[in-house]
Amino acid sequence: MQIQKLSSPATTVALSVLPPLALYVHIPWCVRKCPYCDFNSHELKGPPHPGPFPLEAEREKSLDQKLEAQYVRALVADLDAALPLIWGRPVRTIFFGGGTPSLLSAQAVDELLSAIRARLTLMPDAEITLEANPGTFEASRFAGFRAAGVNRLSVGIQSFDPSHLKALGRIHDDAQARAALEIARTTFDNFNLDLMYGLPGQTIGQALADIEAGLAFSPTHLSAYHLTIEPNTFFHRHPPKLPDDEASADMQEAIEQRLAQAGYVHYETSAFALPERQARHNLNYWMFGDYLGIGAGAHSKISFPGRVLRQMRWKQPREYMEKTNAGTAIQQENQVGVNELPFEFMMNALRLVDGIELRIFEERTGLPLHRIARELKEAESKGLIERDHLRLRPTLKGQRFLNDLLQVFLV
């Protein structure tokens, strides 16, 4: 596919200040592709699994050394080629996402972080997060990640219930989930655990039991996601029977109440944190900050005076490595049109429970607030937002019907 480049006077914006910058590093491999996952992830070996999904705890837990070395070289080459776009801008957070980044060796993570530090201005207190799945946990490896500079871990538990783990196609069982979290909390003083609700056959009691099991490990951050059926997934082709909307809403409300009792601040649609422990990398996304994405299928959003640029890398890992080594890592590139900016901004900012300062809209989009005066009035009249002269925030109704709220800003 040819790189798509769009430019015209209509895409000009007047940014008064460049947004904060984050770095995203995509690791595209998993031990096995989960049936609900629509991320750019690829199984390490073997054909796709049509189901059922038996536990395979002893499958390979790390990348082949040769493949790992090739991919690390491609990531560094990708970063080198992107430097002119972000030269001189400090990086506030780094996020290793996937796929399953914990399939990397500690040596590879150390090599990558050393290369990043040598090329970018990394803030002294930068948050450096690595995603991990319980089926890949080994205590020595995670101690190595910590020694390399990773200071925040995000663990994909999804559930502690054996039947739900099997239904979700996870490679770990409940004992491995607990063992992984024990390693996480003894190795990192800042870690997140991911849980899902609205699972096939799940009851409110079971959803809350997962929350209680997670709270026993005192995570600094907890993400509770509603399972959604995404296109191009096994679940989309073979939909499981899920709890109805009313039952899922009851689960969501019960989870929010329990986490509030435990002292967690509900600051984003699916995110809960102890005070001062919000995910800074994700906050940058939600506040329409900039990010450079390197790795197979990674996306970037980079602002310049007068324009906002989006990029996407080649998705297939082998093709990405070949193209990157040839100096052509970018598959698609386009400038965000002025008319698209309000929706793109609100699609992120309105996920925040406390909303956002109105000045941020003008700073990050380069557009005057009166550009969305009609949309704001409509959303307010529908009871979906509330605002004053300083701040805009979704109401509880707006949080519960976020898609309806976002439709107001869709051109």
Protein backbone atom coordinates (compact mmCIF):
# COMPACT_ATOMS: atom_id res chain seq x y z
CA MET A 1 0.00 0.00 0.00
CA GLN A 2 1.23 3.46 -0.84
CA ILE A 3 1.68 6.02 1.89
CA GLN A 4 -1.37 8.24 1.94
CA LYS A 5 -0.60 11.92 2.36
CA LEU A 6 -3.31 14.52 2.69
CA SER A 7 -2.70 18.24 2.86
CA SER A 8 -4.68 21.36 2.10
CA PRO A 9 -5.28 24.78 3.64
CA ALA A 10 -8.32 23.28 5.36
CA THR A 11 -6.06 21.20 7.60
CA THR A 12 -4.27 24.20 9.10
CA VAL A 13 -4.61 24.62 12.85
CA ALA A 14 -3.10 27.23 15.15
CA LEU A 15 -1.48 25.39 18.04
CA SER A 16 -0.30 27.74 20.77
CA VAL A 17 1.81 25.07 22.48
CA LEU A 18 2.84 21.53 21.55
CA PRO A 19 1.20 18.80 23.66
CA PRO A 20 3.20 16.48 25.94
CA LEU A 21 4.90 13.59 24.12
CA ALA A 22 4.81 9.86 24.94
CA LEU A 23 6.47 6.85 23.31
CA TYR A 24 4.62 3.62 22.55
CA VAL A 25 6.53 0.42 21.68
CA HIS A 26 4.46 -2.40 20.17
CA ILE A 27 5.46 -6.04 20.66
CA PRO A 28 3.18 -7.97 18.29
CA TRP A 29 3.49 -11.58 19.50
CA CYS A 30 1.40 -13.63 21.93
CA VAL A 31 1.61 -17.22 23.09
CA ARG A 32 -1.91 -17.55 21.75
CA LYS A 33 -4.46 -15.18 20.23
CA CYS A 34 -7.42 -14.67 22.56
CA PRO A 35 -10.86 -15.08 20.91
CA TYR A 36 -11.99 -11.57 21.92
CA CYS A 37 -8.80 -9.72 20.92
CA ASP A 38 -8.77 -7.33 17.96
CA PHE A 39 -5.31 -5.88 18.65
CA ASN A 40 -2.43 -6.38 16.23
CA SER A 41 -1.12 -9.58 17.82
CA HIS A 42 0.21 -12.78 16.28
CA GLU A 43 0.75 -16.24 17.72
CA LEU A 44 4.36 -17.26 18.19
CA LYS A 45 3.91 -20.62 16.55
CA GLY A 46 1.33 -23.07 15.35
CA PRO A 47 -1.96 -22.54 13.49
CA PRO A 48 -4.83 -20.44 14.87
CA HIS A 49 -6.90 -22.20 17.54
CA PRO A 50 -10.54 -22.60 16.48
CA GLY A 51 -11.55 -23.58 20.04
CA PRO A 52 -12.24 -24.94 22.53
CA PHE A 53 -9.43 -23.30 24.44
CA PRO A 54 -7.55 -25.76 26.67
CA LEU A 55 -4.92 -24.51 29.12
CA GLU A 56 -1.43 -24.70 27.61
CA ALA A 57 0.73 -23.40 30.44
CA GLU A 58 3.89 -25.05 29.16
CA ARG A 59 3.96 -23.47 25.72
CA GLU A 60 6.91 -21.27 24.81
CA LYS A 61 7.12 -18.29 27.18
CA SER A 62 9.67 -16.19 25.32
CA LEU A 63 10.64 -15.11 21.83
CA ASP A 64 13.23 -16.96 19.82
CA GLN A 65 16.53 -15.15 20.42
CA LYS A 66 17.16 -14.59 16.71
CA LEU A 67 13.67 -13.19 16.10
CA GLU A 68 13.94 -11.02 19.20
CA ALA A 69 17.27 -9.56 18.07
CA GLN A 70 15.88 -8.83 14.59
CA TYR A 71 12.86 -7.07 16.03
CA VAL A 72 14.87 -4.99 18.48
CA ARG A 73 17.10 -3.81 15.61
CA ALA A 74 14.01 -2.87 13.61
CA LEU A 75 12.56 -0.91 16.54
CA VAL A 76 15.76 1.08 16.93
CA ALA A 77 15.90 1.75 13.18
CA ASP A 78 12.25 2.85 13.31
CA LEU A 79 13.03 5.25 16.14
CA ASP A 80 16.06 6.63 14.33
CA ALA A 81 13.97 7.38 11.24
CA ALA A 82 11.30 9.12 13.35
CA LEU A 83 13.65 11.39 15.29
CA PRO A 84 13.28 14.43 12.97
CA LEU A 85 9.55 14.52 13.80
CA ILE A 86 10.10 14.87 17.56
CA TRP A 87 13.59 16.32 17.85
CA GLY A 88 14.19 18.16 21.11
CA ARG A 89 10.83 17.27 22.66
CA PRO A 90 11.00 15.57 26.09
CA VAL A 91 9.35 12.16 26.48
CA ARG A 92 7.23 11.84 29.62
CA THR A 93 6.10 8.21 29.43
CA ILE A 94 7.00 4.97 27.65
CA PHE A 95 4.58 2.07 27.21
CA PHE A 96 5.50 -1.42 26.00
CA GLY A 97 2.20 -2.82 24.69
CA GLY A 98 1.10 -5.70 22.56
CA GLY A 99 0.68 -8.55 22.05
CA THR A 100 2.60 -9.70 25.07
CA PRO A 101 5.68 -7.56 25.77
CA SER A 102 6.66 -9.83 28.67
CA LEU A 103 7.70 -12.39 26.05
CA LEU A 104 10.80 -10.20 25.59
CA SER A 105 13.89 -11.02 27.55
CA ALA A 106 15.07 -8.59 30.21
CA GLN A 107 18.20 -8.08 28.10
CA ALA A 108 16.09 -6.97 25.12
CA VAL A 109 14.11 -4.50 27.24
CA ASP A 110 17.37 -3.15 28.67
CA GLU A 111 18.81 -2.77 25.15
CA LEU A 112 15.69 -0.95 23.95
CA LEU A 113 15.56 1.43 26.90
CA SER A 114 19.26 2.18 26.52
CA ALA A 115 18.72 2.99 22.84
CA ILE A 116 15.76 5.21 23.70
CA ARG A 117 17.70 7.10 26.37
CA ALA A 118 20.57 7.65 23.96
CA ARG A 119 18.28 9.22 21.35
CA LEU A 120 15.53 11.01 23.27
CA THR A 121 15.26 13.40 26.17
CA LEU A 122 13.59 11.17 28.74
CA MET A 123 12.16 12.97 31.77
CA PRO A 124 13.87 11.91 35.04
CA ASP A 125 10.54 10.80 36.52
CA ALA A 126 9.25 9.17 33.32
CA GLU A 127 6.65 6.46 33.79
CA ILE A 128 7.82 3.30 31.98
CA THR A 129 5.11 0.63 31.73
CA LEU A 130 5.30 -2.92 30.43
CA GLU A 131 2.27 -5.14 29.80
CA ALA A 132 2.48 -8.73 31.01
CA ASN A 133 0.32 -11.83 30.97
CA PRO A 134 0.40 -14.41 33.80
CA GLY A 135 1.37 -17.27 31.49
CA THR A 136 4.72 -15.55 30.87
CA PHE A 137 5.72 -14.75 34.46
CA GLU A 138 9.12 -15.77 35.78
CA ALA A 139 10.40 -13.93 38.87
CA SER A 140 13.95 -13.46 37.58
CA ARG A 141 12.79 -12.02 34.27
CA PHE A 142 10.58 -9.46 35.96
CA ALA A 143 13.37 -8.47 38.33
CA GLY A 144 15.40 -7.91 35.16
CA PHE A 145 12.68 -5.69 33.70
CA ARG A 146 12.74 -3.64 36.89
CA ALA A 147 16.54 -3.36 36.80
CA ALA A 148 16.36 -2.21 33.16
CA GLY A 149 14.19 0.75 34.14
CA VAL A 150 10.59 -0.45 33.88
CA ASN A 151 8.84 1.13 36.87
CA ARG A 152 5.21 0.17 36.24
CA LEU A 153 3.70 -3.18 35.33
CA SER A 154 0.28 -3.87 33.81
CA VAL A 155 -0.90 -7.45 34.32
CA GLY A 156 -3.67 -8.91 32.15
CA ILE A 157 -5.56 -11.13 34.59
CA GLN A 158 -9.10 -10.73 33.09
CA SER A 159 -10.60 -13.13 35.66
CA PHE A 160 -9.70 -15.41 38.55
CA ASP A 161 -12.52 -17.82 37.76
CA PRO A 162 -11.25 -21.00 35.99
CA SER A 163 -14.38 -21.38 33.86
CA HIS A 164 -14.26 -17.77 32.70
CA LEU A 165 -10.54 -17.99 31.95
CA LYS A 166 -11.23 -21.03 29.79
CA ALA A 167 -14.10 -19.26 28.01
CA LEU A 168 -11.80 -16.30 27.29
CA GLY A 169 -9.09 -18.54 25.85
CA ARG A 170 -6.48 -17.45 28.40
CA ILE A 171 -3.33 -19.57 28.75
CA HIS A 172 -3.18 -19.16 32.55
CA ASP A 173 -5.28 -20.56 35.35
CA ASP A 174 -6.36 -18.90 38.60
CA ALA A 175 -3.31 -20.15 40.52
CA GLN A 176 -0.96 -18.68 37.91
CA ALA A 177 -2.89 -15.40 38.06
CA ARG A 178 -2.32 -15.15 41.79
CA ALA A 179 1.33 -16.18 41.49
CA ALA A 180 1.87 -13.51 38.82
CA LEU A 181 0.37 -10.79 41.00
CA GLU A 182 2.51 -11.87 43.93
CA ILE A 183 5.61 -11.41 41.74
CA ALA A 184 4.25 -8.08 40.48
CA ARG A 185 3.66 -6.60 43.92
CA THR A 186 6.99 -7.76 45.33
CA THR A 187 8.95 -6.49 42.32
CA PHE A 188 7.09 -3.26 41.48
CA ASP A 189 5.60 -0.65 43.79
CA ASN A 190 3.36 0.59 40.96
CA PHE A 191 1.29 -1.96 39.08
CA ASN A 192 -2.06 -2.31 37.36
CA LEU A 193 -4.22 -5.36 36.95
CA ASP A 194 -6.78 -5.75 34.17
CA LEU A 195 -10.11 -7.43 34.84
CA MET A 196 -13.11 -7.93 32.58
CA TYR A 197 -16.81 -8.23 33.37
CA GLY A 198 -19.88 -9.09 31.33
CA LEU A 199 -18.25 -12.45 30.58
CA PRO A 200 -20.11 -15.47 29.17
CA GLY A 201 -22.40 -16.80 31.90
CA GLN A 202 -21.04 -14.40 34.54
CA THR A 203 -23.15 -13.25 37.48
CA ILE A 204 -22.78 -10.07 39.55
CA GLY A 205 -21.47 -12.17 42.43
CA GLN A 206 -18.77 -13.66 40.22
CA ALA A 207 -17.77 -10.26 38.88
CA LEU A 208 -17.41 -8.91 42.40
CA ALA A 209 -15.48 -12.02 43.45
CA ASP A 210 -12.91 -11.16 40.76
CA ILE A 211 -12.66 -7.62 42.14
CA GLU A 212 -12.16 -8.94 45.69
CA ALA A 213 -9.46 -11.33 44.51
CA GLY A 214 -7.67 -8.48 42.78
CA LEU A 215 -7.94 -6.14 45.75
CA ALA A 216 -6.23 -8.73 47.94
CA PHE A 217 -2.98 -7.87 46.13
CA SER A 218 -3.32 -4.10 46.75
CA PRO A 219 -2.72 -2.90 43.19
CA THR A 220 -2.09 0.80 42.76
CA HIS A 221 -4.32 0.78 39.67
CA LEU A 222 -7.12 -1.45 38.47
CA SER A 223 -8.82 -1.51 35.07
CA ALA A 224 -12.27 -3.07 34.80
CA TYR A 225 -13.38 -3.50 31.18
CA HIS A 226 -16.72 -4.63 29.84
CA LEU A 227 -16.19 -7.48 27.37
CA THR A 228 -17.20 -6.26 23.94
CA ILE A 229 -17.44 -8.29 20.77
CA GLU A 230 -15.14 -6.73 18.19
CA PRO A 231 -15.08 -7.35 14.40
CA ASN A 232 -12.44 -9.71 13.03
CA THR A 233 -12.31 -11.83 16.17
CA PHE A 234 -13.27 -15.44 16.89
CA PHE A 235 -16.05 -14.21 19.19
CA HIS A 236 -17.45 -12.08 16.37
CA ARG A 237 -17.66 -15.13 14.14
CA HIS A 238 -18.92 -17.38 16.96
CA PRO A 239 -20.61 -15.09 19.51
CA PRO A 240 -20.81 -16.45 23.06
CA LYS A 241 -23.93 -15.87 25.17
CA LEU A 242 -23.22 -12.78 27.27
CA PRO A 243 -25.17 -11.20 30.15
CA ASP A 244 -27.83 -8.79 28.91
CA ASP A 245 -27.38 -5.02 29.05
CA GLU A 246 -29.23 -4.65 32.34
CA ALA A 247 -27.14 -7.31 34.07
CA SER A 248 -23.92 -5.80 32.70
CA ALA A 249 -24.97 -2.34 33.90
CA ASP A 250 -25.64 -3.76 37.36
CA MET A 251 -22.16 -5.32 37.35
CA GLN A 252 -20.60 -2.03 36.37
CA GLU A 253 -22.40 -0.14 39.13
CA ALA A 254 -21.51 -2.75 41.75
CA ILE A 255 -17.84 -2.74 40.70
CA GLU A 256 -17.68 1.06 40.85
CA GLN A 257 -19.20 1.09 44.34
CA ARG A 258 -16.87 -1.60 45.67
CA LEU A 259 -13.74 0.06 44.32
CA ALA A 260 -14.83 3.41 45.73
CA GLN A 261 -15.21 1.75 49.14
CA ALA A 262 -11.67 0.41 48.77
CA GLY A 263 -10.31 3.94 48.18
CA TYR A 264 -9.89 3.84 44.41
CA VAL A 265 -10.66 6.94 42.36
CA HIS A 266 -12.78 6.28 39.27
CA TYR A 267 -11.07 8.68 36.89
CA GLU A 268 -11.77 7.19 33.45
CA THR A 269 -14.50 4.99 31.97
CA SER A 270 -12.74 1.73 32.87
CA ALA A 271 -9.86 2.92 35.08
CA PHE A 272 -9.56 3.15 38.86
CA ALA A 273 -6.51 4.26 40.80
CA LEU A 274 -5.31 4.99 44.29
CA PRO A 275 -4.71 8.75 44.79
CA GLU A 276 -1.87 10.07 42.59
CA ARG A 277 -1.51 6.69 40.86
CA GLN A 278 -3.37 7.34 37.62
CA ALA A 279 -1.79 5.88 34.49
CA ARG A 280 0.13 8.86 33.16
CA HIS A 281 0.68 7.33 29.72
CA ASN A 282 -3.04 6.69 29.24
CA LEU A 283 -3.91 10.12 30.62
CA ASN A 284 -1.79 11.56 27.83
CA TYR A 285 -3.96 9.75 25.27
CA TRP A 286 -7.20 10.86 26.92
CA MET A 287 -6.02 14.47 27.08
CA PHE A 288 -5.17 14.42 23.36
CA GLY A 289 -1.43 14.49 23.92
CA ASP A 290 1.09 13.42 21.31
CA TYR A 291 2.64 9.97 20.99
CA LEU A 292 5.19 8.35 18.74
CA GLY A 293 4.41 4.69 18.11
CA ILE A 294 7.12 2.31 16.93
CA GLY A 295 6.70 -1.37 16.14
CA ALA A 296 4.44 -3.45 13.93
CA GLY A 297 1.08 -1.73 13.44
CA ALA A 298 1.88 1.08 15.90
CA HIS A 299 0.07 4.40 15.52
CA SER A 300 1.45 7.89 16.06
CA LYS A 301 -0.16 11.27 16.59
CA ILE A 302 2.28 14.16 16.38
CA SER A 303 1.44 17.87 16.43
CA PHE A 304 3.27 20.67 14.67
CA PRO A 305 2.52 24.37 14.38
CA GLY A 306 -0.20 24.36 11.74
CA ARG A 307 -0.96 20.64 11.52
CA VAL A 308 -1.62 17.36 13.31
CA LEU A 309 -0.07 14.26 11.75
CA ARG A 310 -1.16 10.63 12.12
CA GLN A 311 0.89 7.61 11.07
CA MET A 312 0.52 3.83 11.06
CA ARG A 313 3.35 1.29 10.72
CA TRP A 314 3.12 -1.93 8.70
CA LYS A 315 1.12 -4.49 10.70
CA GLN A 316 2.64 -7.88 9.87
CA PRO A 317 5.81 -8.36 11.95
CA ARG A 318 7.97 -9.77 9.16
CA GLU A 319 6.81 -7.14 6.69
CA TYR A 320 7.36 -4.42 9.31
CA MET A 321 10.95 -5.55 9.88
CA GLU A 322 11.68 -5.73 6.14
CA LYS A 323 10.12 -2.34 5.42
CA THR A 324 11.79 -0.68 8.41
CA ASN A 325 15.20 -1.98 7.45
CA ALA A 326 14.56 -0.53 3.99
CA GLY A 327 13.68 2.85 5.52
CA THR A 328 9.93 2.65 4.86
CA ALA A 329 8.31 1.76 8.21
CA ILE A 330 5.25 3.95 7.58
CA GLN A 331 2.32 2.32 5.81
CA GLN A 332 -0.15 5.20 6.10
CA GLU A 333 0.28 8.87 6.89
CA ASN A 334 -2.26 11.67 6.87
CA GLN A 335 -2.98 15.04 8.36
CA VAL A 336 -6.06 15.31 10.58
CA GLY A 337 -8.61 17.64 9.03
CA VAL A 338 -9.89 20.61 11.00
CA ASN A 339 -13.44 19.23 10.97
CA GLU A 340 -12.22 15.93 12.47
CA LEU A 341 -10.34 17.47 15.39
CA PRO A 342 -13.31 18.17 17.71
CA PHE A 343 -14.55 14.57 17.53
CA GLU A 344 -11.06 13.11 17.94
CA PHE A 345 -10.47 15.31 20.96
CA MET A 346 -13.81 14.51 22.59
CA MET A 347 -13.54 10.79 21.83
CA ASN A 348 -10.62 10.78 24.27
CA ALA A 349 -11.37 13.58 26.74
CA LEU A 350 -14.95 12.58 27.48
CA ARG A 351 -13.77 9.22 28.81
CA LEU A 352 -12.40 11.13 31.82
CA VAL A 353 -14.91 11.17 34.67
CA ASP A 354 -13.88 14.68 35.75
CA GLY A 355 -13.70 15.88 32.16
CA ILE A 356 -11.13 18.38 31.03
CA GLU A 357 -10.29 22.05 31.24
CA LEU A 358 -11.74 23.95 28.30
CA ARG A 359 -8.41 25.64 27.59
CA ILE A 360 -6.96 22.20 26.80
CA PHE A 361 -9.34 21.89 23.85
CA GLU A 362 -7.97 25.09 22.33
CA GLU A 363 -4.34 24.22 23.13
CA ARG A 364 -4.45 20.67 21.75
CA THR A 365 -6.63 21.24 18.67
CA GLY A 366 -5.65 24.82 17.80
CA LEU A 367 -9.36 25.64 17.42
CA PRO A 368 -11.35 28.31 19.27
CA LEU A 369 -13.99 27.03 21.66
CA HIS A 370 -16.80 28.70 19.72
CA ARG A 371 -16.07 26.18 16.95
CA ILE A 372 -18.02 23.61 18.97
CA ALA A 373 -20.55 25.93 20.61
CA ARG A 374 -23.53 24.26 18.91
CA GLU A 375 -22.38 20.75 19.85
CA LEU A 376 -21.75 21.73 23.46
CA LYS A 377 -25.21 23.26 23.72
CA GLU A 378 -26.84 20.14 22.27
CA ALA A 379 -24.95 17.78 24.58
CA GLU A 380 -25.86 19.96 27.56
CA SER A 381 -29.53 20.07 26.59
CA LYS A 382 -29.58 16.26 26.48
CA GLY A 383 -28.12 16.04 29.97
CA LEU A 384 -24.92 14.39 28.72
CA ILE A 385 -22.42 17.03 29.86
CA GLU A 386 -22.12 19.81 32.40
CA ARG A 387 -19.75 22.76 32.19
CA ASP A 388 -18.76 26.09 33.59
CA HIS A 389 -16.37 28.73 32.26
CA LEU A 390 -13.35 26.56 33.08
CA ARG A 391 -14.27 22.90 32.69
CA LEU A 392 -16.29 20.39 30.69
CA ARG A 393 -17.27 17.01 32.14
CA PRO A 394 -19.64 14.18 31.25
CA THR A 395 -22.62 13.69 33.53
CA LEU A 396 -23.34 10.22 34.91
CA LYS A 397 -25.79 9.83 32.02
CA GLY A 398 -23.03 10.91 29.62
CA GLN A 399 -20.68 8.32 31.11
CA ARG A 400 -23.26 5.56 30.79
CA PHE A 401 -24.20 6.55 27.23
CA LEU A 402 -20.80 7.68 25.99
CA ASN A 403 -21.43 6.65 22.39
CA ASP A 404 -24.53 8.84 22.26
CA LEU A 405 -22.52 11.74 23.68
CA LEU A 406 -19.75 11.31 21.13
CA GLN A 407 -22.25 11.22 18.27
CA VAL A 408 -23.01 14.87 19.01
CA PHE A 409 -19.45 15.82 17.98
CA LEU A 410 -19.27 13.53 14.93
CA VAL A 411 -19.33 15.52 11.70
